[in-house]
Protein backbone atom coordinates (compact mmCIF):
# COMPACT_ATOMS: atom_id res chain seq x y z
CA MET A 1 98.70 163.93 73.17
CA ALA A 2 95.28 163.59 72.20
CA ASP A 3 96.57 165.27 68.69
CA LEU A 4 98.84 162.44 68.71
CA PHE A 5 97.06 159.68 69.03
CA LYS A 6 93.90 161.58 66.23
CA SER A 7 96.48 161.99 63.80
CA VAL A 8 97.49 157.75 64.75
CA THR A 9 94.01 156.87 64.62
CA GLU A 10 93.22 158.59 61.19
CA LYS A 11 96.12 157.05 59.56
CA MET A 12 95.43 153.65 60.71
CA GLY A 13 92.08 154.01 59.70
CA GLY A 14 93.11 155.06 56.29
CA PHE A 15 95.12 152.31 56.13
CA ALA A 16 92.21 149.64 57.28
CA ALA A 17 89.96 151.46 54.51
CA LYS A 18 93.11 150.65 51.60
CA TRP A 19 93.74 147.03 53.39
CA THR A 20 91.58 145.32 50.91
CA SER A 21 93.05 146.66 47.73
CA TYR A 22 96.52 146.06 49.42
CA ALA A 23 95.92 142.33 49.79
CA ALA A 24 94.17 141.83 46.62
CA PHE A 25 97.67 143.73 45.15
CA GLY A 26 99.75 141.32 47.61
CA SER A 27 97.25 138.18 46.22
CA PHE A 28 98.07 138.97 42.28
CA LEU A 29 101.93 139.21 42.94
CA LEU A 30 101.54 136.13 44.72
CA TYR A 31 99.71 134.45 42.03
CA LEU A 32 101.88 135.56 39.61
CA VAL A 33 105.11 134.46 40.88
CA GLY A 34 103.70 131.17 41.68
CA TYR A 35 102.19 130.76 38.13
CA LEU A 36 106.05 131.55 36.62
CA THR A 37 107.38 129.31 39.18
CA LEU A 38 105.27 126.56 38.31
CA ARG A 39 105.04 126.97 34.59
CA PHE A 40 109.12 127.10 34.42
CA GLN A 41 109.40 124.39 36.54
CA LEU A 42 106.85 121.85 34.26
CA SER A 43 109.06 123.35 31.27
CA THR A 44 112.51 122.27 32.97
CA TYR A 45 110.78 118.82 33.58
CA GLY A 46 109.55 118.62 29.78
CA LEU A 47 105.82 118.58 30.76
CA ALA A 48 103.65 119.70 28.41
CA THR A 49 100.66 120.76 30.11
CA ASP A 50 97.80 123.69 30.21
CA LEU A 51 98.12 125.36 33.40
CA ASP A 52 94.45 126.81 34.14
CA LEU A 53 94.19 130.49 35.11
CA PHE A 54 92.88 130.20 39.07
CA ASP A 55 94.22 127.73 40.63
CA GLU A 56 95.43 127.55 44.49
CA LYS A 57 98.66 125.79 43.49
CA TYR A 58 100.01 129.34 42.22
CA LEU A 59 99.64 130.80 45.44
CA PHE A 60 101.31 128.12 47.28
CA ALA A 61 103.88 128.18 44.87
CA GLY A 62 104.21 131.77 45.61
CA CYS A 63 104.19 131.75 48.71
CA ARG A 64 107.54 129.42 49.21
CA PHE A 65 109.03 131.18 46.64
CA LEU A 66 108.65 134.29 48.80
CA VAL A 67 109.69 131.89 51.81
CA TYR A 68 112.79 131.30 49.89
CA ALA A 69 114.18 134.73 49.09
CA VAL A 70 113.45 136.05 52.41
CA SER A 71 115.70 133.06 53.80
CA CYS A 72 118.50 134.03 51.64
CA VAL A 73 118.00 138.05 53.08
CA PRO A 74 120.79 136.87 56.01
CA ASN A 75 123.01 135.67 53.19
CA ILE A 76 123.31 139.08 51.34
CA LEU A 77 123.69 140.92 55.04
CA ILE A 78 126.37 138.68 56.28
CA PHE A 79 128.23 139.07 53.06
CA LEU A 80 127.28 143.15 53.19
CA LEU A 81 128.93 142.85 57.03
CA VAL A 82 131.90 141.14 55.65
CA LEU A 83 132.47 143.51 53.05
CA ALA A 84 131.77 146.26 55.36
CA ALA A 85 134.49 145.29 57.62
CA VAL A 86 137.22 144.16 55.06
CA GLY A 87 136.38 148.05 53.90
CA TYR A 88 136.32 149.83 57.09
CA VAL A 89 140.48 149.90 58.10
CA PRO A 90 141.16 151.08 54.59
CA TYR A 91 139.02 153.35 54.85
CA ARG A 92 139.91 154.69 57.99
CA LEU A 93 143.22 154.74 56.83
CA ILE A 94 142.00 157.59 53.81
CA PRO A 95 143.03 161.10 54.87
CA ALA A 96 140.21 163.25 55.57
CA PRO A 97 140.73 165.95 52.71
CA ALA A 98 140.84 162.59 50.41
CA LYS A 99 137.52 161.10 51.92
CA GLU A 100 135.75 164.84 51.12
CA ARG A 101 137.29 164.90 47.51
CA ILE A 102 135.91 161.65 47.20
CA ARG A 103 132.78 162.34 48.54
CA GLY A 104 132.29 165.73 46.66
CA TRP A 105 132.89 163.67 42.97
CA LEU A 106 130.28 160.67 43.74
CA ALA A 107 128.01 163.59 44.75
CA GLY A 108 128.40 165.21 41.89
CA TRP A 109 128.65 162.55 39.43
CA CYS A 110 125.70 160.68 40.97
CA GLY A 111 123.93 164.11 40.39
CA LYS A 112 124.04 164.24 36.46
CA PRO A 113 120.44 163.01 35.43
CA LEU A 114 122.14 160.72 33.02
CA HIS A 115 124.21 158.99 34.97
CA LEU A 116 122.51 156.90 38.08
CA PRO A 117 120.18 155.92 35.16
CA LEU A 118 122.80 154.67 32.53
CA LEU A 119 124.81 152.96 35.28
CA GLY A 120 121.62 151.20 36.13
CA ILE A 121 120.68 149.99 32.80
CA VAL A 122 124.27 148.70 31.79
CA LEU A 123 124.63 146.44 34.83
CA ALA A 124 120.87 145.12 34.27
CA VAL A 125 121.46 144.36 31.01
CA VAL A 126 124.94 142.74 31.77
CA PHE A 127 123.26 140.72 34.80
CA ILE A 128 120.19 139.45 33.07
CA GLN A 129 122.20 138.60 29.90
CA LEU A 130 125.11 136.54 31.30
CA VAL A 131 123.55 135.62 35.12
CA MET A 132 119.58 135.55 34.76
CA ARG A 133 118.63 134.40 31.65
CA LYS A 134 121.36 131.15 31.49
CA CYS A 135 118.32 128.95 33.20
CA PHE A 136 116.45 128.84 30.21
CA ALA A 137 119.38 126.53 29.21
CA PHE A 138 117.29 123.49 30.68
CA GLY A 139 114.63 122.34 29.32
CA ASP A 140 112.90 118.28 28.94
CA LEU A 141 115.50 117.51 31.46
CA LEU A 142 113.59 114.21 32.30
CA LEU A 143 114.15 113.03 29.21
CA GLN A 144 117.33 114.31 28.49
CA LYS A 145 120.71 111.99 28.25
CA GLN A 146 123.04 115.08 29.26
CA LEU A 147 122.79 118.53 30.21
CA PRO A 148 123.54 121.05 28.77
CA ASP A 149 127.54 122.23 28.19
CA GLU A 150 126.73 125.52 30.56
CA TRP A 151 128.29 126.96 33.45
CA ILE A 152 124.72 126.94 35.02
CA THR A 153 124.94 123.43 35.10
CA THR A 154 127.38 123.41 38.23
CA VAL A 155 124.45 125.42 40.02
CA LEU A 156 121.80 123.02 39.14
CA LEU A 157 123.93 120.17 40.47
CA ALA A 158 125.09 121.96 43.57
CA ASN A 159 124.30 121.42 46.93
CA ASP A 160 121.32 122.95 48.51
CA GLY A 161 123.91 125.77 50.60
CA ARG A 162 125.62 126.21 47.56
CA LEU A 163 122.45 126.79 45.02
CA ALA A 164 120.63 129.09 48.13
CA LEU A 165 123.91 130.98 47.73
CA TYR A 166 123.81 131.38 44.52
CA PHE A 167 120.20 132.45 44.68
CA SER A 168 121.26 135.27 47.15
CA GLY A 169 123.25 136.61 44.78
CA LEU A 170 120.72 136.79 42.34
CA LEU A 171 118.51 138.60 44.92
CA ALA A 172 121.29 140.91 45.37
CA GLY A 173 121.94 142.08 42.21
CA VAL A 174 118.21 142.52 41.86
CA LEU A 175 118.01 144.47 44.85
CA PHE A 176 121.22 146.91 43.73
CA THR A 177 120.12 147.74 40.60
CA ALA A 178 116.37 148.60 42.08
CA VAL A 179 118.06 150.80 44.75
CA ILE A 180 120.04 152.47 41.54
CA ALA A 181 116.50 152.86 40.24
CA TRP A 182 115.09 153.76 43.29
CA GLN A 183 117.95 156.50 43.75
CA ALA A 184 117.38 157.87 40.04
CA VAL A 185 113.56 158.52 40.56
CA ALA A 186 114.55 160.14 44.01
CA ARG A 187 116.24 162.64 42.80
CA GLY A 188 113.93 163.92 40.84
CA ASN A 189 116.51 165.73 37.97
CA SER A 190 115.41 163.63 35.21
CA THR A 191 113.59 166.46 33.54
CA SER A 192 114.83 166.66 29.77
CA PRO A 193 113.43 163.84 27.35
CA ALA A 194 116.98 161.94 27.10
CA ALA A 195 116.91 161.29 30.91
CA ARG A 196 113.06 160.30 31.05
CA VAL A 197 113.66 157.68 28.48
CA PHE A 198 117.00 156.29 30.48
CA LEU A 199 114.60 156.24 33.58
CA ALA A 200 112.23 154.65 32.20
CA ALA A 201 114.32 152.17 30.72
CA LEU A 202 115.74 151.21 33.98
CA ILE A 203 112.58 150.92 35.77
CA PHE A 204 111.68 148.32 33.11
CA LEU A 205 114.34 146.57 33.50
CA VAL A 206 114.07 146.40 37.33
CA ALA A 207 111.19 144.48 36.96
CA VAL A 208 112.21 142.37 34.26
CA GLU A 209 114.84 141.53 36.83
CA PHE A 210 111.84 140.42 39.26
CA LEU A 211 110.00 138.50 36.89
CA LEU A 212 113.10 136.51 36.46
CA LEU A 213 113.89 135.60 40.01
CA PRO A 214 110.47 133.12 40.40
CA VAL A 215 111.90 132.16 36.82
CA ASN A 216 114.85 130.82 38.34
CA TYR A 217 113.80 129.79 41.10
CA GLY A 218 111.31 127.41 39.25
CA VAL A 219 114.05 126.20 37.19
CA LEU A 220 117.03 125.68 39.52
CA VAL A 221 115.38 125.24 43.15
CA SER A 222 111.73 123.48 43.28
CA THR A 223 112.74 121.07 40.41
CA GLN A 224 115.12 119.17 42.66
CA GLN A 225 113.15 116.95 44.65
CA LEU A 226 110.34 114.56 43.34
CA PRO A 227 108.11 112.30 45.24
CA GLN A 228 108.97 108.42 44.46
CA VAL A 229 105.90 106.27 44.17
CA ASP A 230 105.66 102.32 45.19
CA GLU A 231 104.19 101.40 41.84
CA LEU A 232 103.89 102.28 38.15
CA PRO A 233 100.53 104.07 36.60
CA ASN A 234 97.63 101.38 36.52
CA GLY A 235 98.76 98.91 39.03
CA ALA A 236 101.84 97.53 37.42
CA LYS A 237 104.38 96.18 39.60
CA SER A 238 108.16 98.17 38.84
CA ALA A 239 110.20 95.64 36.88
CA ASP A 240 113.95 95.39 35.76
CA GLY A 241 115.04 98.46 37.68
CA GLN A 242 112.19 100.61 36.89
CA ARG A 243 111.27 103.45 39.03
CA ALA A 244 108.50 105.88 39.09
CA TRP A 245 108.18 109.52 40.16
CA LEU A 246 104.99 111.72 40.54
CA VAL A 247 105.67 115.20 38.51
CA TRP A 248 102.27 116.64 38.27
CA ASN A 249 99.09 116.04 39.61
CA SER A 250 95.75 118.13 38.69
CA LYS A 251 92.04 117.78 38.80
CA ASP A 252 91.58 115.15 36.19
CA THR A 253 95.24 113.79 35.80
CA LEU A 254 98.10 112.41 37.28
CA THR A 255 101.38 112.72 35.42
CA TYR A 256 104.33 110.33 36.26
CA PHE A 257 108.03 109.99 34.96
CA ILE A 258 109.14 106.46 34.61
CA TYR A 259 112.73 105.36 34.67
CA GLY A 260 114.43 102.42 34.04
CA SER A 261 117.79 103.17 32.58
CA PRO A 262 119.51 106.43 30.56
CA ASP A 263 117.42 105.13 27.16
CA ARG A 264 114.32 103.72 28.55
CA ARG A 265 112.86 107.52 30.16
CA LEU A 266 108.95 108.35 30.09
CA LEU A 267 106.88 110.76 30.81
CA LEU A 268 102.81 109.10 31.35
CA THR A 269 99.92 111.01 31.84
CA VAL A 270 96.91 108.72 33.21
CA PRO A 271 92.79 109.63 34.73
CA ARG A 272 93.21 110.24 38.26
CA LYS A 273 90.07 108.81 39.09
CA ASP A 274 90.46 108.87 42.58
CA ALA A 275 93.38 107.32 41.92
CA LEU A 276 95.69 106.09 44.90
CA VAL A 277 98.88 107.58 45.08
CA ARG A 278 101.81 105.97 47.71
CA ILE A 279 104.77 108.04 48.15
CA VAL A 280 107.58 106.08 49.41
CA GLY A 281 110.27 109.36 49.71
CA TYR A 282 111.57 111.95 47.75
CA ASP A 283 114.63 111.92 45.43
CA ASP A 284 116.99 114.47 44.09
CA ILE A 285 116.24 113.55 40.38
CA TYR A 286 119.16 115.03 39.04
CA CYS A 287 121.56 113.07 41.12
CA VAL A 288 119.36 109.84 39.72
CA LEU A 289 119.36 111.11 36.22
CA PHE A 290 122.85 112.59 35.61
CA SER A 291 124.73 111.27 39.13
CA ALA A 292 127.59 111.21 36.95
CA ASP A 293 127.75 114.95 36.37
CA HIS A 294 127.87 115.46 40.32
CA SER A 295 130.71 116.52 42.26
CA SER A 296 131.98 115.22 45.30
CA SER A 297 130.42 118.20 47.25
CA ARG A 298 127.21 116.76 46.34
CA PRO A 299 127.50 112.88 46.80
CA CYS A 300 124.78 110.96 44.72
CA PRO A 301 124.11 107.37 44.89
CA ARG A 302 124.75 105.50 41.68
C-alpha cells in the first residue's frame, strides 16, 4: 500500500512539474484554432482587416470551437451505437469458422506495413478534396447577390440541427483517419523507406484535417448570427428600410454591415472613439440576404 501511494505521489509530482508546459501547449492550440476560426469568419463576410498577433478573442473563439466540437461527440456515439445495433444480428448469424477466416484476413491485411498508411492516405485525400475544402467556395458573402452553385450551399442554409450533424460527420471522418494513423504508428512495422514515407504523409494529412475543422467551423457555423444595432454608424437613423449589423469590433474601429436592398450593401468601418453600440437582437444573416434560397426546413423572415 505504501509503495502504491509512493508511486501515485511520484506520478502526480511529475505531472505537476510539467503542468506549465501542458498549459502553454493547450493555450497555443486554442489560440491557433481561434485565429483560424476568426480569420475565415471574416473572409466569409468579406471583411478585409488585419488581425493582431496576440488577442484574447482568439482564445475565446478557440474555446467556442472546442465546446461545439465536444457537443458533437454524442452525435457520433449515437451513430456508432445504431450502426453496431444494425450489424449485430448479421454478425451473430455468421458461422464461427467464417468469423475466424475474416478475422485472420483482416489481421494479415492490416499487418502489411504499407496497407494501413495507404488506406488512410486515400481516405484523407478524398475527404479533404471532396468535403472539407468545399467551404472555400464561400467568400465575401455579405456583398454577394447569390450563393455559389455548390452542394455545400445547402449546408450553409441548413437549420442548426442539420448543421450540427454535418459538423459531426466532419469530426467523425477526421477521427476515423486519425485512428488509422494511430494504429499504423502503434504497430511499429513501418521499417522500410517506402512505409516511413507513406506513414509521414498520412500523419501530415491528418494534421491538415484537424486544421480544416476550425476553418469549416469559422465559415459555416460561427458566421450565422450577427448582432443588429438600432441605428446606423455616426448617429444616422435607419431610412428606407436600411438595417445595420455589427460585424467586427477591434480596439480602434467598429465595422458595420448596412443593408437596404440586394443592390444596396455596404461594409463600413468607423473609428471606435468610445462609440455606444446598442444591440437590439441577433439575426440569421443568411436568412436576411438569401431567404429565397432557403428550404422550408429553415423558415426565414422575408
